[in-house]
Amino acid sequence: RRRQRAARLAPGRPPGELALGAWAELRALARDHGRPWPAGSPRFAAAEVAGWVAAEAASGVRDLGLAVEQAQFGGPRHAPAARDWTPVADAVAAGLDRAEPSRWRRWRARRLPASVLG
């Protein structure tokens, strides 16, 4: 799981790939914690995922949703800006941990992640 995360969030790639990698990481975190991924466009999903994090981190999640839409649909003239999305992924992981009252489920999300084990 750590290798997947590192690969998804690795710097030095084009901005669109960075955004898509971070988006994949957020989806994996949601799956690890047993959260269904919101349906709809990346921007719509990001608005819902932003509710999983502390208020100061929510704007980063919404920014990521917009960057993913730009990467998927914007073409080369509307590519997202380069950005390190690691703090956004960290905030989502922390928010999901805080929201989970069961220590067992938090442990399972970290040690037996559904995104890796199926």
N, C-alpha and C. Protein backbone atom coordinates (compact mmCIF):
# COMPACT_ATOMS: atom_id res chain seq x y z
N ARG A 1 0.83 -1.20 0.00
CA ARG A 1 0.00 0.00 0.00
C ARG A 1 0.87 1.26 0.00
N ARG A 2 1.96 1.21 0.79
CA ARG A 2 2.86 2.37 0.83
C ARG A 2 3.50 2.64 -0.52
N ARG A 3 3.86 1.58 -1.22
CA ARG A 3 4.45 1.75 -2.55
C ARG A 3 3.44 2.34 -3.53
N GLN A 4 2.20 1.89 -3.44
CA GLN A 4 1.16 2.45 -4.31
C GLN A 4 1.00 3.94 -4.03
N ARG A 5 0.93 4.29 -2.76
CA ARG A 5 0.76 5.70 -2.38
C ARG A 5 1.94 6.53 -2.89
N ALA A 6 3.14 6.03 -2.66
CA ALA A 6 4.33 6.77 -3.10
C ALA A 6 4.33 6.95 -4.62
N ALA A 7 3.94 5.93 -5.35
CA ALA A 7 3.91 6.04 -6.81
C ALA A 7 2.84 7.03 -7.26
N ARG A 8 1.69 7.00 -6.61
CA ARG A 8 0.60 7.90 -7.01
C ARG A 8 0.94 9.36 -6.74
N LEU A 9 1.67 9.61 -5.66
CA LEU A 9 1.95 10.98 -5.24
C LEU A 9 3.36 11.44 -5.59
N ALA A 10 4.09 10.63 -6.36
CA ALA A 10 5.49 10.95 -6.68
C ALA A 10 5.60 12.24 -7.48
N PRO A 11 6.51 13.13 -7.08
CA PRO A 11 6.71 14.37 -7.83
C PRO A 11 7.45 14.10 -9.14
N GLY A 12 7.52 15.13 -9.97
CA GLY A 12 8.29 15.05 -11.20
C GLY A 12 7.52 14.58 -12.41
N ARG A 13 6.24 14.37 -12.26
CA ARG A 13 5.42 13.97 -13.41
C ARG A 13 4.64 15.17 -13.90
N PRO A 14 4.05 15.08 -15.08
CA PRO A 14 3.22 16.19 -15.56
C PRO A 14 2.07 16.48 -14.59
N PRO A 15 1.64 17.74 -14.49
CA PRO A 15 0.61 18.12 -13.53
C PRO A 15 -0.68 17.30 -13.63
N GLY A 16 -1.10 16.98 -14.84
CA GLY A 16 -2.32 16.17 -14.98
C GLY A 16 -2.16 14.79 -14.38
N GLU A 17 -1.00 14.18 -14.58
CA GLU A 17 -0.74 12.87 -13.99
C GLU A 17 -0.68 12.95 -12.48
N LEU A 18 -0.11 14.04 -11.95
CA LEU A 18 -0.07 14.21 -10.49
C LEU A 18 -1.47 14.28 -9.92
N ALA A 19 -2.35 15.05 -10.56
CA ALA A 19 -3.72 15.18 -10.08
C ALA A 19 -4.45 13.84 -10.15
N LEU A 20 -4.30 13.12 -11.27
CA LEU A 20 -4.98 11.83 -11.41
C LEU A 20 -4.44 10.81 -10.41
N GLY A 21 -3.14 10.85 -10.14
CA GLY A 21 -2.57 9.96 -9.14
C GLY A 21 -3.10 10.25 -7.74
N ALA A 22 -3.20 11.52 -7.40
CA ALA A 22 -3.74 11.90 -6.09
C ALA A 22 -5.21 11.49 -5.99
N TRP A 23 -5.94 11.64 -7.07
CA TRP A 23 -7.36 11.25 -7.09
C TRP A 23 -7.49 9.74 -6.85
N ALA A 24 -6.63 8.96 -7.49
CA ALA A 24 -6.62 7.51 -7.27
C ALA A 24 -6.30 7.19 -5.82
N GLU A 25 -5.42 7.96 -5.21
CA GLU A 25 -5.08 7.75 -3.80
C GLU A 25 -6.28 8.04 -2.91
N LEU A 26 -7.02 9.09 -3.18
CA LEU A 26 -8.22 9.39 -2.38
C LEU A 26 -9.25 8.29 -2.53
N ARG A 27 -9.42 7.78 -3.73
CA ARG A 27 -10.36 6.67 -3.94
C ARG A 27 -9.92 5.43 -3.16
N ALA A 28 -8.61 5.16 -3.15
CA ALA A 28 -8.10 4.01 -2.40
C ALA A 28 -8.32 4.20 -0.90
N LEU A 29 -8.08 5.40 -0.40
CA LEU A 29 -8.32 5.67 1.02
C LEU A 29 -9.78 5.44 1.38
N ALA A 30 -10.68 5.91 0.54
CA ALA A 30 -12.11 5.71 0.80
C ALA A 30 -12.43 4.22 0.85
N ARG A 31 -11.90 3.48 -0.10
CA ARG A 31 -12.16 2.03 -0.12
C ARG A 31 -11.58 1.35 1.12
N ASP A 32 -10.37 1.73 1.51
CA ASP A 32 -9.75 1.14 2.69
C ASP A 32 -10.60 1.35 3.94
N HIS A 33 -11.28 2.49 4.00
CA HIS A 33 -12.10 2.83 5.17
C HIS A 33 -13.56 2.42 5.00
N GLY A 34 -13.87 1.70 3.93
CA GLY A 34 -15.23 1.22 3.74
C GLY A 34 -16.22 2.29 3.32
N ARG A 35 -15.72 3.39 2.79
CA ARG A 35 -16.59 4.48 2.34
C ARG A 35 -16.91 4.31 0.86
N PRO A 36 -18.15 4.42 0.48
CA PRO A 36 -18.46 4.39 -0.95
C PRO A 36 -17.97 5.67 -1.61
N TRP A 37 -17.47 5.54 -2.82
CA TRP A 37 -17.00 6.72 -3.55
C TRP A 37 -18.20 7.45 -4.13
N PRO A 38 -18.27 8.76 -3.97
CA PRO A 38 -19.41 9.52 -4.49
C PRO A 38 -19.54 9.40 -6.01
N ALA A 39 -20.76 9.27 -6.46
CA ALA A 39 -21.03 9.22 -7.90
C ALA A 39 -20.97 10.63 -8.47
N GLY A 40 -20.80 10.70 -9.76
CA GLY A 40 -20.82 12.00 -10.42
C GLY A 40 -19.46 12.45 -10.87
N SER A 41 -19.40 13.68 -11.30
CA SER A 41 -18.17 14.26 -11.82
C SER A 41 -17.12 14.39 -10.71
N PRO A 42 -15.85 14.52 -11.08
CA PRO A 42 -14.83 14.72 -10.05
C PRO A 42 -15.11 15.93 -9.16
N ARG A 43 -15.62 17.00 -9.74
CA ARG A 43 -15.91 18.18 -8.93
C ARG A 43 -17.01 17.89 -7.92
N PHE A 44 -18.05 17.16 -8.34
CA PHE A 44 -19.14 16.80 -7.44
C PHE A 44 -18.63 15.86 -6.35
N ALA A 45 -17.85 14.84 -6.74
CA ALA A 45 -17.30 13.90 -5.76
C ALA A 45 -16.41 14.63 -4.77
N ALA A 46 -15.60 15.57 -5.25
CA ALA A 46 -14.70 16.32 -4.37
C ALA A 46 -15.49 17.13 -3.35
N ALA A 47 -16.62 17.68 -3.75
CA ALA A 47 -17.44 18.44 -2.81
C ALA A 47 -17.91 17.55 -1.66
N GLU A 48 -18.24 16.30 -1.97
CA GLU A 48 -18.66 15.38 -0.91
C GLU A 48 -17.47 14.92 -0.06
N VAL A 49 -16.36 14.59 -0.72
CA VAL A 49 -15.16 14.15 0.00
C VAL A 49 -14.64 15.27 0.90
N ALA A 50 -14.81 16.52 0.49
CA ALA A 50 -14.37 17.65 1.32
C ALA A 50 -15.06 17.64 2.68
N GLY A 51 -16.23 17.04 2.76
CA GLY A 51 -16.92 16.91 4.04
C GLY A 51 -16.28 15.90 4.98
N TRP A 52 -15.37 15.10 4.47
CA TRP A 52 -14.69 14.10 5.29
C TRP A 52 -13.48 14.68 6.02
N VAL A 53 -13.08 15.89 5.69
CA VAL A 53 -11.84 16.45 6.22
C VAL A 53 -12.11 17.71 7.04
N ALA A 54 -11.10 18.15 7.75
CA ALA A 54 -11.20 19.40 8.51
C ALA A 54 -11.43 20.56 7.54
N ALA A 55 -12.09 21.58 8.01
CA ALA A 55 -12.48 22.71 7.16
C ALA A 55 -11.30 23.33 6.43
N GLU A 56 -10.15 23.44 7.08
CA GLU A 56 -9.00 24.09 6.44
C GLU A 56 -8.43 23.24 5.30
N ALA A 57 -8.73 21.95 5.26
CA ALA A 57 -8.23 21.08 4.18
C ALA A 57 -9.25 20.90 3.06
N ALA A 58 -10.49 21.29 3.30
CA ALA A 58 -11.56 21.05 2.32
C ALA A 58 -11.29 21.74 0.99
N SER A 59 -10.71 22.93 1.02
CA SER A 59 -10.46 23.64 -0.24
C SER A 59 -9.45 22.88 -1.10
N GLY A 60 -8.49 22.21 -0.48
CA GLY A 60 -7.52 21.42 -1.24
C GLY A 60 -8.19 20.25 -1.95
N VAL A 61 -9.17 19.64 -1.29
CA VAL A 61 -9.90 18.53 -1.92
C VAL A 61 -10.70 19.05 -3.11
N ARG A 62 -11.36 20.19 -2.93
CA ARG A 62 -12.12 20.77 -4.05
C ARG A 62 -11.19 21.19 -5.19
N ASP A 63 -10.01 21.73 -4.85
CA ASP A 63 -9.02 22.08 -5.88
C ASP A 63 -8.59 20.84 -6.66
N LEU A 64 -8.42 19.73 -5.94
CA LEU A 64 -8.03 18.49 -6.61
C LEU A 64 -9.13 18.02 -7.56
N GLY A 65 -10.38 18.10 -7.15
CA GLY A 65 -11.48 17.72 -8.04
C GLY A 65 -11.47 18.53 -9.32
N LEU A 66 -11.23 19.82 -9.20
CA LEU A 66 -11.15 20.69 -10.38
C LEU A 66 -9.95 20.31 -11.25
N ALA A 67 -8.80 20.04 -10.61
CA ALA A 67 -7.60 19.65 -11.36
C ALA A 67 -7.82 18.34 -12.11
N VAL A 68 -8.55 17.41 -11.50
CA VAL A 68 -8.83 16.14 -12.16
C VAL A 68 -9.71 16.38 -13.38
N GLU A 69 -10.72 17.22 -13.24
CA GLU A 69 -11.56 17.54 -14.40
C GLU A 69 -10.75 18.20 -15.51
N GLN A 70 -9.85 19.09 -15.14
CA GLN A 70 -9.00 19.73 -16.14
C GLN A 70 -8.11 18.71 -16.83
N ALA A 71 -7.56 17.77 -16.05
CA ALA A 71 -6.69 16.74 -16.62
C ALA A 71 -7.47 15.81 -17.55
N GLN A 72 -8.69 15.49 -17.18
CA GLN A 72 -9.48 14.54 -17.98
C GLN A 72 -10.11 15.18 -19.20
N PHE A 73 -10.58 16.41 -19.06
CA PHE A 73 -11.40 17.00 -20.11
C PHE A 73 -10.87 18.30 -20.70
N GLY A 74 -9.84 18.89 -20.08
CA GLY A 74 -9.42 20.22 -20.47
C GLY A 74 -8.51 20.31 -21.67
N GLY A 75 -7.83 19.24 -22.01
CA GLY A 75 -6.89 19.32 -23.10
C GLY A 75 -5.63 20.05 -22.69
N PRO A 76 -4.65 20.13 -23.57
CA PRO A 76 -3.36 20.71 -23.21
C PRO A 76 -3.43 22.20 -22.83
N ARG A 77 -4.37 22.93 -23.38
CA ARG A 77 -4.46 24.36 -23.08
C ARG A 77 -5.06 24.63 -21.71
N HIS A 78 -5.72 23.65 -21.13
CA HIS A 78 -6.37 23.84 -19.84
C HIS A 78 -5.87 22.83 -18.81
N ALA A 79 -4.61 22.46 -18.92
CA ALA A 79 -4.02 21.50 -17.98
C ALA A 79 -3.96 22.12 -16.59
N PRO A 80 -4.09 21.30 -15.55
CA PRO A 80 -4.01 21.84 -14.19
C PRO A 80 -2.61 22.34 -13.86
N ALA A 81 -2.53 23.21 -12.89
CA ALA A 81 -1.24 23.71 -12.43
C ALA A 81 -0.52 22.61 -11.65
N ALA A 82 0.80 22.64 -11.69
CA ALA A 82 1.60 21.68 -10.94
C ALA A 82 1.41 21.94 -9.45
N ARG A 83 1.25 20.86 -8.69
CA ARG A 83 1.03 21.00 -7.26
C ARG A 83 1.36 19.68 -6.57
N ASP A 84 1.84 19.78 -5.35
CA ASP A 84 2.05 18.60 -4.52
C ASP A 84 0.73 18.31 -3.81
N TRP A 85 0.12 17.18 -4.13
CA TRP A 85 -1.19 16.82 -3.57
C TRP A 85 -1.06 15.98 -2.31
N THR A 86 0.16 15.71 -1.84
CA THR A 86 0.35 14.88 -0.66
C THR A 86 -0.38 15.42 0.56
N PRO A 87 -0.33 16.73 0.86
CA PRO A 87 -1.07 17.23 2.03
C PRO A 87 -2.58 16.98 1.93
N VAL A 88 -3.11 17.01 0.73
CA VAL A 88 -4.55 16.75 0.55
C VAL A 88 -4.84 15.28 0.88
N ALA A 89 -4.02 14.37 0.37
CA ALA A 89 -4.20 12.95 0.67
C ALA A 89 -4.04 12.69 2.16
N ASP A 90 -3.06 13.35 2.79
CA ASP A 90 -2.87 13.20 4.24
C ASP A 90 -4.09 13.69 5.01
N ALA A 91 -4.67 14.80 4.59
CA ALA A 91 -5.85 15.35 5.27
C ALA A 91 -7.04 14.42 5.14
N VAL A 92 -7.22 13.82 3.97
CA VAL A 92 -8.33 12.87 3.78
C VAL A 92 -8.10 11.63 4.65
N ALA A 93 -6.88 11.12 4.68
CA ALA A 93 -6.59 9.96 5.53
C ALA A 93 -6.87 10.27 7.00
N ALA A 94 -6.44 11.44 7.45
CA ALA A 94 -6.69 11.84 8.84
C ALA A 94 -8.17 12.01 9.11
N GLY A 95 -8.89 12.61 8.18
CA GLY A 95 -10.33 12.80 8.36
C GLY A 95 -11.07 11.48 8.43
N LEU A 96 -10.69 10.53 7.59
CA LEU A 96 -11.33 9.22 7.63
C LEU A 96 -11.01 8.50 8.93
N ASP A 97 -9.78 8.62 9.41
CA ASP A 97 -9.41 8.01 10.70
C ASP A 97 -10.22 8.62 11.84
N ARG A 98 -10.33 9.95 11.84
CA ARG A 98 -11.08 10.63 12.91
C ARG A 98 -12.55 10.23 12.91
N ALA A 99 -13.10 10.02 11.74
CA ALA A 99 -14.53 9.71 11.62
C ALA A 99 -14.85 8.26 11.98
N GLU A 100 -13.84 7.42 12.06
CA GLU A 100 -14.06 6.00 12.34
C GLU A 100 -13.94 5.73 13.83
N PRO A 101 -15.03 5.44 14.53
CA PRO A 101 -14.97 5.23 15.97
C PRO A 101 -14.32 3.91 16.37
N SER A 102 -14.31 2.93 15.49
CA SER A 102 -13.79 1.61 15.83
C SER A 102 -12.28 1.54 15.61
N ARG A 103 -11.55 1.24 16.68
CA ARG A 103 -10.10 1.07 16.54
C ARG A 103 -9.77 -0.07 15.60
N TRP A 104 -10.56 -1.14 15.68
CA TRP A 104 -10.34 -2.28 14.80
C TRP A 104 -10.44 -1.86 13.34
N ARG A 105 -11.44 -1.09 12.97
CA ARG A 105 -11.61 -0.68 11.58
C ARG A 105 -10.48 0.25 11.13
N ARG A 106 -10.03 1.12 12.03
CA ARG A 106 -8.88 1.98 11.69
C ARG A 106 -7.64 1.13 11.44
N TRP A 107 -7.42 0.15 12.31
CA TRP A 107 -6.28 -0.74 12.16
C TRP A 107 -6.38 -1.50 10.84
N ARG A 108 -7.57 -2.03 10.56
CA ARG A 108 -7.78 -2.80 9.33
C ARG A 108 -7.54 -1.93 8.10
N ALA A 109 -7.98 -0.67 8.14
CA ALA A 109 -7.77 0.22 6.99
C ALA A 109 -6.29 0.43 6.72
N ARG A 110 -5.47 0.45 7.77
CA ARG A 110 -4.04 0.67 7.60
C ARG A 110 -3.27 -0.62 7.29
N ARG A 111 -3.64 -1.70 7.96
CA ARG A 111 -2.85 -2.94 7.86
C ARG A 111 -3.38 -3.96 6.85
N LEU A 112 -4.69 -3.93 6.60
CA LEU A 112 -5.31 -4.85 5.64
C LEU A 112 -6.17 -4.05 4.67
N PRO A 113 -5.55 -3.14 3.92
CA PRO A 113 -6.34 -2.22 3.09
C PRO A 113 -7.10 -2.93 1.97
N ALA A 114 -8.37 -2.63 1.88
CA ALA A 114 -9.22 -3.23 0.85
C ALA A 114 -8.76 -2.84 -0.55
N SER A 115 -8.14 -1.68 -0.68
CA SER A 115 -7.68 -1.24 -2.00
C SER A 115 -6.56 -2.13 -2.54
N VAL A 116 -5.89 -2.85 -1.66
CA VAL A 116 -4.82 -3.75 -2.07
C VAL A 116 -5.29 -5.20 -2.06
N LEU A 117 -6.02 -5.55 -1.01
CA LEU A 117 -6.39 -6.95 -0.81
C LEU A 117 -7.72 -7.33 -1.45
N GLY A 118 -8.44 -6.34 -1.93
CA GLY A 118 -9.70 -6.62 -2.62
C GLY A 118 -10.87 -6.77 -1.79
